[in-house]
Amino acid sequence: MPEEPTAVPPPAGLPESSTTYFAEVENVAEMARLLKQARFATQGLGGLFPASLAVSAVQDVLDLACGPGEWVLAVAEAYPAMRVTGIDKSEIMIQFARSLGQAIPTVQFTVMDALEPLTFPDAAFDLIHARFIAGFLPVTAWPRLLGECRRLLRPGGILLLVEGEMALTTSPAVEQLSGYFTQALRAVGQSFSPDGKHLGITPMLRTLLNQAAFLACQSQAAVIEHSAGTAFHLSLYEDYAAAFSLMQPFLVRAGVATAEDLAPLYQRMLEEMLANDFCSLSYVLQTWGQQPPSDGISDTARSHVPVSATPEPGKDEP
């Protein structure tokens, strides 16, 4: 069996709060960024679920670290028979999500920290979804979280993980800032990369699921182009403009850059990303595995095992 992943310990003196997320969680600007990011990520992926993932019999869904609730609400609209729950540690995110979903009886949002034991009963969900959680999840926390997902899933249930790496671009400033970010995550123990040059999460997803004893693990990758003149160019620009502004205190605390270095570099990034010759590609990997079936599965539990993906016509479209 593969060895358990190990993390690089945070540097001495680094505040504990900076080791979980690169931006303040109670931040309106970050909430707006996550809302837009969720929409263009779903479009880039081609839908809410991988095309080959069977979900038509899924009834109860949990979204970990749901942010402002965009994915939860989109699933509820596309699949009205599903009951969808979103959790997030941010009070402001959950309040906003509740305001958007107050007229939808099949959704609920709860303040809950994915890094802590979750207060749901065993076997409560048919599918658990987690998108881009590597940005706050320490390497050492992955086995515990996946074990918690095993507890929460019904026999035959699905855990769907969605992660990406930093975009590959022709902008020197983007590349330098991206490098600072990946180095900072490694410095605080939140990167699987051996040298901090990448996030390092995507090649680990299947291994993490296998180590947690999920079965029938599969992956599906999507390549998204953000070059000048493409449909996703402005989406990446807005996302990076917000993210690299919000993360600057984190980069300074992690010791990878100074505030004096970051200010002019950030301005160059904005200029280079708006240039007519700006080119960019990124890829996002969806990896999923199945909760082992139980010999004593009841008829009710068997009815929850996924069969095929069938959203309402026209609903789950990019």
C-alpha atoms as a PDB file:
ATOM      1  CA  MET A   1       0.000   0.000   0.000  1.00  0.00           C
ATOM      2  CA  PRO A   2       1.324   3.511  -0.795  1.00  0.00           C
ATOM      3  CA  GLU A   3       2.762   5.442   2.107  1.00  0.00           C
ATOM      4  CA  GLU A   4       0.615   8.105   3.725  1.00  0.00           C
ATOM      5  CA  PRO A   5       1.366  11.586   2.305  1.00  0.00           C
ATOM      6  CA  THR A   6       3.543  13.792   4.437  1.00  0.00           C
ATOM      7  CA  ALA A   7       3.393  17.552   4.778  1.00  0.00           C
ATOM      8  CA  VAL A   8       6.097  20.134   5.115  1.00  0.00           C
ATOM      9  CA  PRO A   9       5.594  21.726   8.568  1.00  0.00           C
ATOM     10  CA  PRO A  10       4.671  25.430   8.642  1.00  0.00           C
ATOM     11  CA  PRO A  11       7.600  27.762   9.286  1.00  0.00           C
ATOM     12  CA  ALA A  12       8.071  28.807  12.893  1.00  0.00           C
ATOM     13  CA  GLY A  13       6.051  31.842  13.896  1.00  0.00           C
ATOM     14  CA  LEU A  14       3.511  31.611  11.064  1.00  0.00           C
ATOM     15  CA  PRO A  15       0.028  32.449  12.408  1.00  0.00           C
ATOM     16  CA  GLU A  16      -2.197  29.384  12.635  1.00  0.00           C
ATOM     17  CA  SER A  17      -5.043  31.126  10.780  1.00  0.00           C
ATOM     18  CA  SER A  18      -2.873  31.529   7.684  1.00  0.00           C
ATOM     19  CA  THR A  19      -2.388  27.776   7.311  1.00  0.00           C
ATOM     20  CA  THR A  20      -5.938  26.993   6.191  1.00  0.00           C
ATOM     21  CA  TYR A  21      -7.019  29.530   3.566  1.00  0.00           C
ATOM     22  CA  PHE A  22      -5.200  32.212   1.620  1.00  0.00           C
ATOM     23  CA  ALA A  23      -7.876  34.884   2.119  1.00  0.00           C
ATOM     24  CA  GLU A  24     -10.121  36.008   4.938  1.00  0.00           C
ATOM     25  CA  VAL A  25     -13.174  33.761   4.905  1.00  0.00           C
ATOM     26  CA  GLU A  26     -15.544  36.519   6.039  1.00  0.00           C
ATOM     27  CA  ASN A  27     -14.802  38.677   3.001  1.00  0.00           C
ATOM     28  CA  VAL A  28     -17.351  40.021   0.540  1.00  0.00           C
ATOM     29  CA  ALA A  29     -14.794  40.331  -2.275  1.00  0.00           C
ATOM     30  CA  GLU A  30     -13.800  36.675  -1.861  1.00  0.00           C
ATOM     31  CA  MET A  31     -17.459  35.673  -1.836  1.00  0.00           C
ATOM     32  CA  ALA A  32     -18.015  37.480  -5.141  1.00  0.00           C
ATOM     33  CA  ARG A  33     -14.914  35.842  -6.610  1.00  0.00           C
ATOM     34  CA  LEU A  34     -16.042  32.348  -5.582  1.00  0.00           C
ATOM     35  CA  LEU A  35     -19.507  32.925  -7.015  1.00  0.00           C
ATOM     36  CA  LYS A  36     -18.082  33.819 -10.432  1.00  0.00           C
ATOM     37  CA  GLN A  37     -15.443  31.096 -10.261  1.00  0.00           C
ATOM     38  CA  ALA A  38     -18.058  28.420  -9.601  1.00  0.00           C
ATOM     39  CA  ARG A  39     -20.048  29.484 -12.656  1.00  0.00           C
ATOM     40  CA  PHE A  40     -17.191  29.507 -15.124  1.00  0.00           C
ATOM     41  CA  ALA A  41     -15.718  26.303 -13.671  1.00  0.00           C
ATOM     42  CA  THR A  42     -19.015  24.496 -14.256  1.00  0.00           C
ATOM     43  CA  GLN A  43     -19.127  25.864 -17.797  1.00  0.00           C
ATOM     44  CA  GLY A  44     -15.532  24.817 -18.440  1.00  0.00           C
ATOM     45  CA  LEU A  45     -16.181  21.335 -17.077  1.00  0.00           C
ATOM     46  CA  GLY A  46     -19.215  20.950 -19.311  1.00  0.00           C
ATOM     47  CA  GLY A  47     -21.710  20.431 -16.515  1.00  0.00           C
ATOM     48  CA  LEU A  48     -22.286  19.940 -12.825  1.00  0.00           C
ATOM     49  CA  PHE A  49     -21.218  16.292 -12.874  1.00  0.00           C
ATOM     50  CA  PRO A  50     -18.903  14.294 -15.147  1.00  0.00           C
ATOM     51  CA  ALA A  51     -20.830  12.974 -18.132  1.00  0.00           C
ATOM     52  CA  SER A  52     -19.911   9.383 -17.289  1.00  0.00           C
ATOM     53  CA  LEU A  53     -20.958   9.613 -13.635  1.00  0.00           C
ATOM     54  CA  ALA A  54     -24.356   8.066 -12.919  1.00  0.00           C
ATOM     55  CA  VAL A  55     -26.455  10.334 -10.705  1.00  0.00           C
ATOM     56  CA  SER A  56     -30.125   9.917 -11.646  1.00  0.00           C
ATOM     57  CA  ALA A  57     -30.953   7.877  -8.526  1.00  0.00           C
ATOM     58  CA  VAL A  58     -29.075  10.214  -6.187  1.00  0.00           C
ATOM     59  CA  GLN A  59     -31.411  11.819  -3.660  1.00  0.00           C
ATOM     60  CA  ASP A  60     -29.225  13.420  -0.972  1.00  0.00           C
ATOM     61  CA  VAL A  61     -26.152  15.482  -1.859  1.00  0.00           C
ATOM     62  CA  LEU A  62     -23.580  17.251   0.317  1.00  0.00           C
ATOM     63  CA  ASP A  63     -21.310  20.022  -0.975  1.00  0.00           C
ATOM     64  CA  LEU A  64     -18.225  20.555   1.210  1.00  0.00           C
ATOM     65  CA  ALA A  65     -16.956  24.134   1.558  1.00  0.00           C
ATOM     66  CA  CYS A  66     -19.822  25.374  -0.590  1.00  0.00           C
ATOM     67  CA  GLY A  67     -18.885  29.070  -0.384  1.00  0.00           C
ATOM     68  CA  PRO A  68     -21.785  31.277  -1.545  1.00  0.00           C
ATOM     69  CA  GLY A  69     -23.708  28.208  -2.729  1.00  0.00           C
ATOM     70  CA  GLU A  70     -23.551  28.525  -6.510  1.00  0.00           C
ATOM     71  CA  TRP A  71     -23.007  24.791  -7.164  1.00  0.00           C
ATOM     72  CA  VAL A  72     -25.677  23.738  -4.653  1.00  0.00           C
ATOM     73  CA  LEU A  73     -28.275  26.030  -6.207  1.00  0.00           C
ATOM     74  CA  ALA A  74     -27.365  24.982  -9.740  1.00  0.00           C
ATOM     75  CA  VAL A  75     -27.751  21.297  -8.824  1.00  0.00           C
ATOM     76  CA  ALA A  76     -31.116  21.972  -7.170  1.00  0.00           C
ATOM     77  CA  GLU A  77     -32.332  23.715 -10.323  1.00  0.00           C
ATOM     78  CA  ALA A  78     -31.056  21.052 -12.731  1.00  0.00           C
ATOM     79  CA  TYR A  79     -32.073  18.081 -10.570  1.00  0.00           C
ATOM     80  CA  PRO A  80     -35.218  19.097  -8.631  1.00  0.00           C
ATOM     81  CA  ALA A  81     -35.623  15.612  -7.139  1.00  0.00           C
ATOM     82  CA  MET A  82     -32.337  15.941  -5.252  1.00  0.00           C
ATOM     83  CA  ARG A  83     -32.020  17.326  -1.738  1.00  0.00           C
ATOM     84  CA  VAL A  84     -28.802  19.342  -1.628  1.00  0.00           C
ATOM     85  CA  THR A  85     -26.955  20.523   1.478  1.00  0.00           C
ATOM     86  CA  GLY A  86     -24.056  22.963   1.469  1.00  0.00           C
ATOM     87  CA  ILE A  87     -21.685  23.573   4.365  1.00  0.00           C
ATOM     88  CA  ASP A  88     -19.043  26.252   4.845  1.00  0.00           C
ATOM     89  CA  LYS A  89     -17.216  27.705   7.842  1.00  0.00           C
ATOM     90  CA  SER A  90     -17.926  31.270   6.703  1.00  0.00           C
ATOM     91  CA  GLU A  91     -20.965  32.907   8.260  1.00  0.00           C
ATOM     92  CA  ILE A  92     -21.180  35.515   5.502  1.00  0.00           C
ATOM     93  CA  MET A  93     -21.041  32.877   2.749  1.00  0.00           C
ATOM     94  CA  ILE A  94     -23.811  30.826   4.320  1.00  0.00           C
ATOM     95  CA  GLN A  95     -25.997  33.880   4.963  1.00  0.00           C
ATOM     96  CA  PHE A  96     -25.669  34.886   1.305  1.00  0.00           C
ATOM     97  CA  ALA A  97     -26.351  31.342   0.087  1.00  0.00           C
ATOM     98  CA  ARG A  98     -29.455  31.135   2.256  1.00  0.00           C
ATOM     99  CA  SER A  99     -30.729  34.410   0.811  1.00  0.00           C
ATOM    100  CA  LEU A 100     -30.407  33.018  -2.707  1.00  0.00           C
ATOM    101  CA  GLY A 101     -31.952  29.661  -1.868  1.00  0.00           C
ATOM    102  CA  GLN A 102     -34.728  30.676   0.500  1.00  0.00           C
ATOM    103  CA  ALA A 103     -37.428  29.896  -2.049  1.00  0.00           C
ATOM    104  CA  ILE A 104     -36.008  26.451  -2.909  1.00  0.00           C
ATOM    105  CA  PRO A 105     -37.305  23.804  -0.487  1.00  0.00           C
ATOM    106  CA  THR A 106     -34.756  21.161  -1.518  1.00  0.00           C
ATOM    107  CA  VAL A 107     -31.647  23.100  -0.436  1.00  0.00           C
ATOM    108  CA  GLN A 108     -30.204  23.926   2.937  1.00  0.00           C
ATOM    109  CA  PHE A 109     -27.035  25.681   4.023  1.00  0.00           C
ATOM    110  CA  THR A 110     -25.268  25.174   7.337  1.00  0.00           C
ATOM    111  CA  VAL A 111     -22.247  26.785   8.964  1.00  0.00           C
ATOM    112  CA  MET A 112     -19.824  23.922   9.474  1.00  0.00           C
ATOM    113  CA  ASP A 113     -16.056  23.537   9.182  1.00  0.00           C
ATOM    114  CA  ALA A 114     -14.939  20.721   6.874  1.00  0.00           C
ATOM    115  CA  LEU A 115     -11.736  20.441   8.911  1.00  0.00           C
ATOM    116  CA  GLU A 116     -13.761  19.366  11.953  1.00  0.00           C
ATOM    117  CA  PRO A 117     -15.993  16.298  12.505  1.00  0.00           C
ATOM    118  CA  LEU A 118     -19.255  16.909  10.646  1.00  0.00           C
ATOM    119  CA  THR A 119     -22.484  16.775  12.614  1.00  0.00           C
ATOM    120  CA  PHE A 120     -24.449  14.589  10.193  1.00  0.00           C
ATOM    121  CA  PRO A 121     -25.573  11.030  10.975  1.00  0.00           C
ATOM    122  CA  ASP A 122     -23.911   8.029   9.379  1.00  0.00           C
ATOM    123  CA  ALA A 123     -24.972   7.112   5.831  1.00  0.00           C
ATOM    124  CA  ALA A 124     -26.806  10.396   5.302  1.00  0.00           C
ATOM    125  CA  PHE A 125     -25.822  11.104   1.678  1.00  0.00           C
ATOM    126  CA  ASP A 126     -25.711   9.435  -1.720  1.00  0.00           C
ATOM    127  CA  LEU A 127     -23.108  11.816  -3.152  1.00  0.00           C
ATOM    128  CA  ILE A 128     -20.557  14.174  -1.627  1.00  0.00           C
ATOM    129  CA  HIS A 129     -18.985  16.885  -3.777  1.00  0.00           C
ATOM    130  CA  ALA A 130     -15.873  18.915  -2.996  1.00  0.00           C
ATOM    131  CA  ARG A 131     -14.465  21.441  -5.468  1.00  0.00           C
ATOM    132  CA  PHE A 132     -11.134  23.282  -5.062  1.00  0.00           C
ATOM    133  CA  ILE A 133     -10.702  22.443  -1.386  1.00  0.00           C
ATOM    134  CA  ALA A 134      -6.921  22.037  -1.689  1.00  0.00           C
ATOM    135  CA  GLY A 135      -6.657  25.798  -1.154  1.00  0.00           C
ATOM    136  CA  PHE A 136      -7.487  25.390   2.539  1.00  0.00           C
ATOM    137  CA  LEU A 137      -6.914  21.715   3.330  1.00  0.00           C
ATOM    138  CA  PRO A 138      -3.579  20.707   4.916  1.00  0.00           C
ATOM    139  CA  VAL A 139      -1.997  17.587   3.435  1.00  0.00           C
ATOM    140  CA  THR A 140      -2.347  15.805   6.768  1.00  0.00           C
ATOM    141  CA  ALA A 141      -6.102  16.516   6.877  1.00  0.00           C
ATOM    142  CA  TRP A 142      -7.010  14.687   3.663  1.00  0.00           C
ATOM    143  CA  PRO A 143      -7.163  11.155   5.161  1.00  0.00           C
ATOM    144  CA  ARG A 144      -9.375  12.291   8.038  1.00  0.00           C
ATOM    145  CA  LEU A 145     -11.755  14.195   5.735  1.00  0.00           C
ATOM    146  CA  LEU A 146     -12.048  11.291   3.303  1.00  0.00           C
ATOM    147  CA  GLY A 147     -12.686   8.967   6.233  1.00  0.00           C
ATOM    148  CA  GLU A 148     -15.476  11.302   7.346  1.00  0.00           C
ATOM    149  CA  CYS A 149     -16.917  11.138   3.827  1.00  0.00           C
ATOM    150  CA  ARG A 150     -16.859   7.337   4.050  1.00  0.00           C
ATOM    151  CA  ARG A 151     -18.902   7.594   7.261  1.00  0.00           C
ATOM    152  CA  LEU A 152     -21.446   9.944   5.699  1.00  0.00           C
ATOM    153  CA  LEU A 153     -21.987   8.052   2.442  1.00  0.00           C
ATOM    154  CA  ARG A 154     -24.547   5.317   1.986  1.00  0.00           C
ATOM    155  CA  PRO A 155     -23.394   1.988   0.543  1.00  0.00           C
ATOM    156  CA  GLY A 156     -22.556   2.543  -3.116  1.00  0.00           C
ATOM    157  CA  GLY A 157     -22.471   6.329  -2.639  1.00  0.00           C
ATOM    158  CA  ILE A 158     -20.070   8.559  -4.546  1.00  0.00           C
ATOM    159  CA  LEU A 159     -17.376  11.006  -3.467  1.00  0.00           C
ATOM    160  CA  LEU A 160     -16.589  13.483  -6.267  1.00  0.00           C
ATOM    161  CA  LEU A 161     -13.423  15.594  -5.932  1.00  0.00           C
ATOM    162  CA  VAL A 162     -12.725  18.465  -8.334  1.00  0.00           C
ATOM    163  CA  GLU A 163      -9.293  20.099  -8.324  1.00  0.00           C
ATOM    164  CA  GLY A 164      -7.002  21.972 -10.695  1.00  0.00           C
ATOM    165  CA  GLU A 165      -3.531  23.416 -11.009  1.00  0.00           C
ATOM    166  CA  MET A 166      -2.508  26.998 -11.670  1.00  0.00           C
ATOM    167  CA  ALA A 167      -3.045  28.195 -15.240  1.00  0.00           C
ATOM    168  CA  LEU A 168      -0.167  28.027 -17.717  1.00  0.00           C
ATOM    169  CA  THR A 169       0.226  31.469 -19.257  1.00  0.00           C
ATOM    170  CA  THR A 170       2.498  33.653 -21.357  1.00  0.00           C
ATOM    171  CA  SER A 171       2.477  36.366 -18.687  1.00  0.00           C
ATOM    172  CA  PRO A 172       5.741  36.565 -16.695  1.00  0.00           C
ATOM    173  CA  ALA A 173       3.919  38.309 -13.858  1.00  0.00           C
ATOM    174  CA  VAL A 174       1.186  35.672 -13.651  1.00  0.00           C
ATOM    175  CA  GLU A 175       3.798  32.939 -13.604  1.00  0.00           C
ATOM    176  CA  GLN A 176       5.777  34.650 -10.851  1.00  0.00           C
ATOM    177  CA  LEU A 177       2.708  35.268  -8.690  1.00  0.00           C
ATOM    178  CA  SER A 178       1.484  31.720  -9.262  1.00  0.00           C
ATOM    179  CA  GLY A 179       4.887  30.492  -8.168  1.00  0.00           C
ATOM    180  CA  TYR A 180       4.695  32.541  -4.995  1.00  0.00           C
ATOM    181  CA  PHE A 181       1.297  31.034  -4.256  1.00  0.00           C
ATOM    182  CA  THR A 182       2.366  27.421  -4.756  1.00  0.00           C
ATOM    183  CA  GLN A 183       5.517  28.027  -2.700  1.00  0.00           C
ATOM    184  CA  ALA A 184       3.426  29.555   0.092  1.00  0.00           C
ATOM    185  CA  LEU A 185       1.055  26.588   0.165  1.00  0.00           C
ATOM    186  CA  ARG A 186       4.023  24.229   0.427  1.00  0.00           C
ATOM    187  CA  ALA A 187       5.487  26.359   3.213  1.00  0.00           C
ATOM    188  CA  VAL A 188       2.320  25.991   5.303  1.00  0.00           C
ATOM    189  CA  GLY A 189       1.856  22.283   4.646  1.00  0.00           C
ATOM    190  CA  GLN A 190      -0.939  22.471   2.085  1.00  0.00           C
ATOM    191  CA  SER A 191       0.807  21.192  -1.037  1.00  0.00           C
ATOM    192  CA  PHE A 192       1.720  17.764  -2.334  1.00  0.00           C
ATOM    193  CA  SER A 193       4.362  19.290  -4.624  1.00  0.00           C
ATOM    194  CA  PRO A 194       7.906  18.215  -3.663  1.00  0.00           C
ATOM    195  CA  ASP A 195       9.391  21.568  -4.706  1.00  0.00           C
ATOM    196  CA  GLY A 196       6.493  24.032  -4.521  1.00  0.00           C
ATOM    197  CA  LYS A 197       6.353  24.580  -8.278  1.00  0.00           C
ATOM    198  CA  HIS A 198       2.792  23.289  -8.543  1.00  0.00           C
ATOM    199  CA  LEU A 199      -0.201  22.743  -6.311  1.00  0.00           C
ATOM    200  CA  GLY A 200       0.442  19.034  -6.725  1.00  0.00           C
ATOM    201  CA  ILE A 201      -3.089  17.949  -5.842  1.00  0.00           C
ATOM    202  CA  THR A 202      -4.381  16.606  -9.167  1.00  0.00           C
ATOM    203  CA  PRO A 203      -1.997  13.622  -9.480  1.00  0.00           C
ATOM    204  CA  MET A 204      -2.831  12.676  -5.878  1.00  0.00           C
ATOM    205  CA  LEU A 205      -6.620  12.476  -6.115  1.00  0.00           C
ATOM    206  CA  ARG A 206      -6.925   8.852  -7.197  1.00  0.00           C
ATOM    207  CA  THR A 207      -4.275   7.765  -4.684  1.00  0.00           C
ATOM    208  CA  LEU A 208      -6.082   9.567  -1.874  1.00  0.00           C
ATOM    209  CA  LEU A 209      -9.357   7.867  -2.783  1.00  0.00           C
ATOM    210  CA  ASN A 210      -7.662   4.478  -3.021  1.00  0.00           C
ATOM    211  CA  GLN A 211      -6.005   4.965   0.359  1.00  0.00           C
ATOM    212  CA  ALA A 212      -9.423   5.753   1.834  1.00  0.00           C
ATOM    213  CA  ALA A 213     -10.727   2.449   0.384  1.00  0.00           C
ATOM    214  CA  PHE A 214     -13.058   3.948  -2.213  1.00  0.00           C
ATOM    215  CA  LEU A 215     -13.767   1.609  -5.115  1.00  0.00           C
ATOM    216  CA  ALA A 216     -14.021   1.954  -8.903  1.00  0.00           C
ATOM    217  CA  CYS A 217     -12.102   5.255  -8.938  1.00  0.00           C
ATOM    218  CA  GLN A 218     -12.309   7.180 -12.202  1.00  0.00           C
ATOM    219  CA  SER A 219     -11.112  10.533 -13.514  1.00  0.00           C
ATOM    220  CA  GLN A 220     -12.157  12.988 -16.206  1.00  0.00           C
ATOM    221  CA  ALA A 221     -10.075  16.002 -17.194  1.00  0.00           C
ATOM    222  CA  ALA A 222     -11.154  19.230 -18.848  1.00  0.00           C
ATOM    223  CA  VAL A 223      -8.862  21.751 -20.534  1.00  0.00           C
ATOM    224  CA  ILE A 224      -9.999  25.366 -20.391  1.00  0.00           C
ATOM    225  CA  GLU A 225      -8.460  28.079 -22.553  1.00  0.00           C
ATOM    226  CA  HIS A 226      -8.389  31.634 -21.211  1.00  0.00           C
ATOM    227  CA  SER A 227      -6.381  33.309 -23.966  1.00  0.00           C
ATOM    228  CA  ALA A 228      -7.235  36.816 -25.189  1.00  0.00           C
ATOM    229  CA  GLY A 229     -10.291  36.687 -27.418  1.00  0.00           C
ATOM    230  CA  THR A 230     -11.677  33.448 -25.930  1.00  0.00           C
ATOM    231  CA  ALA A 231     -14.896  33.005 -23.970  1.00  0.00           C
ATOM    232  CA  PHE A 232     -13.096  32.430 -20.661  1.00  0.00           C
ATOM    233  CA  HIS A 233     -10.458  35.174 -20.928  1.00  0.00           C
ATOM    234  CA  LEU A 234     -12.346  37.731 -18.858  1.00  0.00           C
ATOM    235  CA  SER A 235     -13.357  35.074 -16.321  1.00  0.00           C
ATOM    236  CA  LEU A 236      -9.733  34.196 -15.573  1.00  0.00           C
ATOM    237  CA  TYR A 237      -8.733  37.859 -15.513  1.00  0.00           C
ATOM    238  CA  GLU A 238     -11.403  38.714 -12.943  1.00  0.00           C
ATOM    239  CA  ASP A 239     -10.629  35.630 -10.880  1.00  0.00           C
ATOM    240  CA  TYR A 240      -6.882  36.276 -10.748  1.00  0.00           C
ATOM    241  CA  ALA A 241      -7.347  40.020 -10.229  1.00  0.00           C
ATOM    242  CA  ALA A 242      -9.374  39.298  -7.098  1.00  0.00           C
ATOM    243  CA  ALA A 243      -7.429  36.266  -5.865  1.00  0.00           C
ATOM    244  CA  PHE A 244      -3.937  37.754  -6.163  1.00  0.00           C
ATOM    245  CA  SER A 245      -5.103  40.927  -4.471  1.00  0.00           C
ATOM    246  CA  LEU A 246      -6.687  39.082  -1.545  1.00  0.00           C
ATOM    247  CA  MET A 247      -3.816  36.636  -1.062  1.00  0.00           C
ATOM    248  CA  GLN A 248      -0.992  39.167  -0.752  1.00  0.00           C
ATOM    249  CA  PRO A 249      -1.018  39.206   3.086  1.00  0.00           C
ATOM    250  CA  PHE A 250      -0.846  35.400   3.028  1.00  0.00           C
ATOM    251  CA  LEU A 251       2.164  35.451   0.683  1.00  0.00           C
ATOM    252  CA  VAL A 252       3.940  37.931   2.942  1.00  0.00           C
ATOM    253  CA  ARG A 253       3.192  35.907   6.093  1.00  0.00           C
ATOM    254  CA  ALA A 254       4.445  32.750   4.411  1.00  0.00           C
ATOM    255  CA  GLY A 255       7.737  34.506   3.699  1.00  0.00           C
ATOM    256  CA  VAL A 256       7.768  34.013  -0.078  1.00  0.00           C
ATOM    257  CA  ALA A 257       7.518  37.713  -1.047  1.00  0.00           C
ATOM    258  CA  THR A 258       7.400  41.196   0.409  1.00  0.00           C
ATOM    259  CA  ALA A 259       4.573  43.709   0.114  1.00  0.00           C
ATOM    260  CA  GLU A 260       6.943  46.031  -1.742  1.00  0.00           C
ATOM    261  CA  ASP A 261       7.612  43.327  -4.347  1.00  0.00           C
ATOM    262  CA  LEU A 262       3.986  42.310  -4.746  1.00  0.00           C
ATOM    263  CA  ALA A 263       2.407  45.699  -5.461  1.00  0.00           C
ATOM    264  CA  PRO A 264       4.183  46.433  -8.792  1.00  0.00           C
ATOM    265  CA  LEU A 265       4.111  42.756  -9.779  1.00  0.00           C
ATOM    266  CA  TYR A 266       0.347  42.677  -9.343  1.00  0.00           C
ATOM    267  CA  GLN A 267      -0.079  45.738 -11.590  1.00  0.00           C
ATOM    268  CA  ARG A 268       2.091  44.114 -14.278  1.00  0.00           C
ATOM    269  CA  MET A 269      -0.060  40.998 -14.068  1.00  0.00           C
ATOM    270  CA  LEU A 270      -3.214  42.997 -14.777  1.00  0.00           C
ATOM    271  CA  GLU A 271      -1.606  44.690 -17.772  1.00  0.00           C
ATOM    272  CA  GLU A 272      -0.159  41.488 -19.227  1.00  0.00           C
ATOM    273  CA  MET A 273      -3.411  39.567 -18.865  1.00  0.00           C
ATOM    274  CA  LEU A 274      -5.252  42.227 -20.885  1.00  0.00           C
ATOM    275  CA  ALA A 275      -2.692  42.217 -23.696  1.00  0.00           C
ATOM    276  CA  ASN A 276      -3.900  41.055 -27.090  1.00  0.00           C
ATOM    277  CA  ASP A 277      -1.229  38.340 -27.209  1.00  0.00           C
ATOM    278  CA  PHE A 278      -2.005  36.867 -23.782  1.00  0.00           C
ATOM    279  CA  CYS A 279      -2.320  33.074 -23.926  1.00  0.00           C
ATOM    280  CA  SER A 280      -3.441  30.740 -21.171  1.00  0.00           C
ATOM    281  CA  LEU A 281      -4.564  27.167 -20.576  1.00  0.00           C
ATOM    282  CA  SER A 282      -5.594  25.360 -17.440  1.00  0.00           C
ATOM    283  CA  TYR A 283      -6.913  21.933 -16.678  1.00  0.00           C
ATOM    284  CA  VAL A 284      -9.355  20.726 -14.067  1.00  0.00           C
ATOM    285  CA  LEU A 285      -9.566  17.102 -12.956  1.00  0.00           C
ATOM    286  CA  GLN A 286     -12.713  15.429 -11.672  1.00  0.00           C
ATOM    287  CA  THR A 287     -12.000  12.211  -9.781  1.00  0.00           C
ATOM    288  CA  TRP A 288     -14.580  10.075  -8.055  1.00  0.00           C
ATOM    289  CA  GLY A 289     -14.847   6.828  -6.169  1.00  0.00           C
ATOM    290  CA  GLN A 290     -17.590   4.653  -4.741  1.00  0.00           C
ATOM    291  CA  GLN A 291     -18.332   3.766  -1.149  1.00  0.00           C
ATOM    292  CA  PRO A 292     -18.026  -0.026  -0.834  1.00  0.00           C
ATOM    293  CA  PRO A 293     -21.401  -1.772  -0.881  1.00  0.00           C
ATOM    294  CA  SER A 294     -22.602  -3.493   2.259  1.00  0.00           C
ATOM    295  CA  ASP A 295     -23.737  -7.106   2.307  1.00  0.00           C
ATOM    296  CA  GLY A 296     -26.693  -6.056   4.420  1.00  0.00           C
ATOM    297  CA  ILE A 297     -27.900  -3.153   2.325  1.00  0.00           C
ATOM    298  CA  SER A 298     -31.585  -2.535   2.821  1.00  0.00           C
ATOM    299  CA  ASP A 299     -33.972  -2.078  -0.089  1.00  0.00           C
ATOM    300  CA  THR A 300     -34.158   1.610   0.793  1.00  0.00           C
ATOM    301  CA  ALA A 301     -30.396   1.995   0.691  1.00  0.00           C
ATOM    302  CA  ARG A 302     -30.171   0.087  -2.585  1.00  0.00           C
ATOM    303  CA  SER A 303     -32.607   2.551  -4.139  1.00  0.00           C
ATOM    304  CA  HIS A 304     -30.030   5.296  -3.525  1.00  0.00           C
ATOM    305  CA  VAL A 305     -27.275   3.708  -5.630  1.00  0.00           C
ATOM    306  CA  PRO A 306     -26.598   5.964  -8.684  1.00  0.00           C
ATOM    307  CA  VAL A 307     -27.733   4.720 -12.083  1.00  0.00           C
ATOM    308  CA  SER A 308     -27.481   7.369 -14.810  1.00  0.00           C
ATOM    309  CA  ALA A 309     -27.212  11.109 -15.243  1.00  0.00           C
ATOM    310  CA  THR A 310     -30.477  12.694 -16.345  1.00  0.00           C
ATOM    311  CA  PRO A 311     -30.992  16.368 -15.531  1.00  0.00           C
ATOM    312  CA  GLU A 312     -34.131  18.151 -16.587  1.00  0.00           C
ATOM    313  CA  PRO A 313     -33.880  18.983 -20.306  1.00  0.00           C
ATOM    314  CA  GLY A 314     -31.678  21.996 -20.889  1.00  0.00           C
ATOM    315  CA  LYS A 315     -30.854  22.531 -17.209  1.00  0.00           C
ATOM    316  CA  ASP A 316     -27.307  21.117 -16.822  1.00  0.00           C
ATOM    317  CA  GLU A 317     -25.784  22.841 -19.811  1.00  0.00           C
ATOM    318  CA  PRO A 318     -22.494  24.814 -19.910  1.00  0.00           C
END
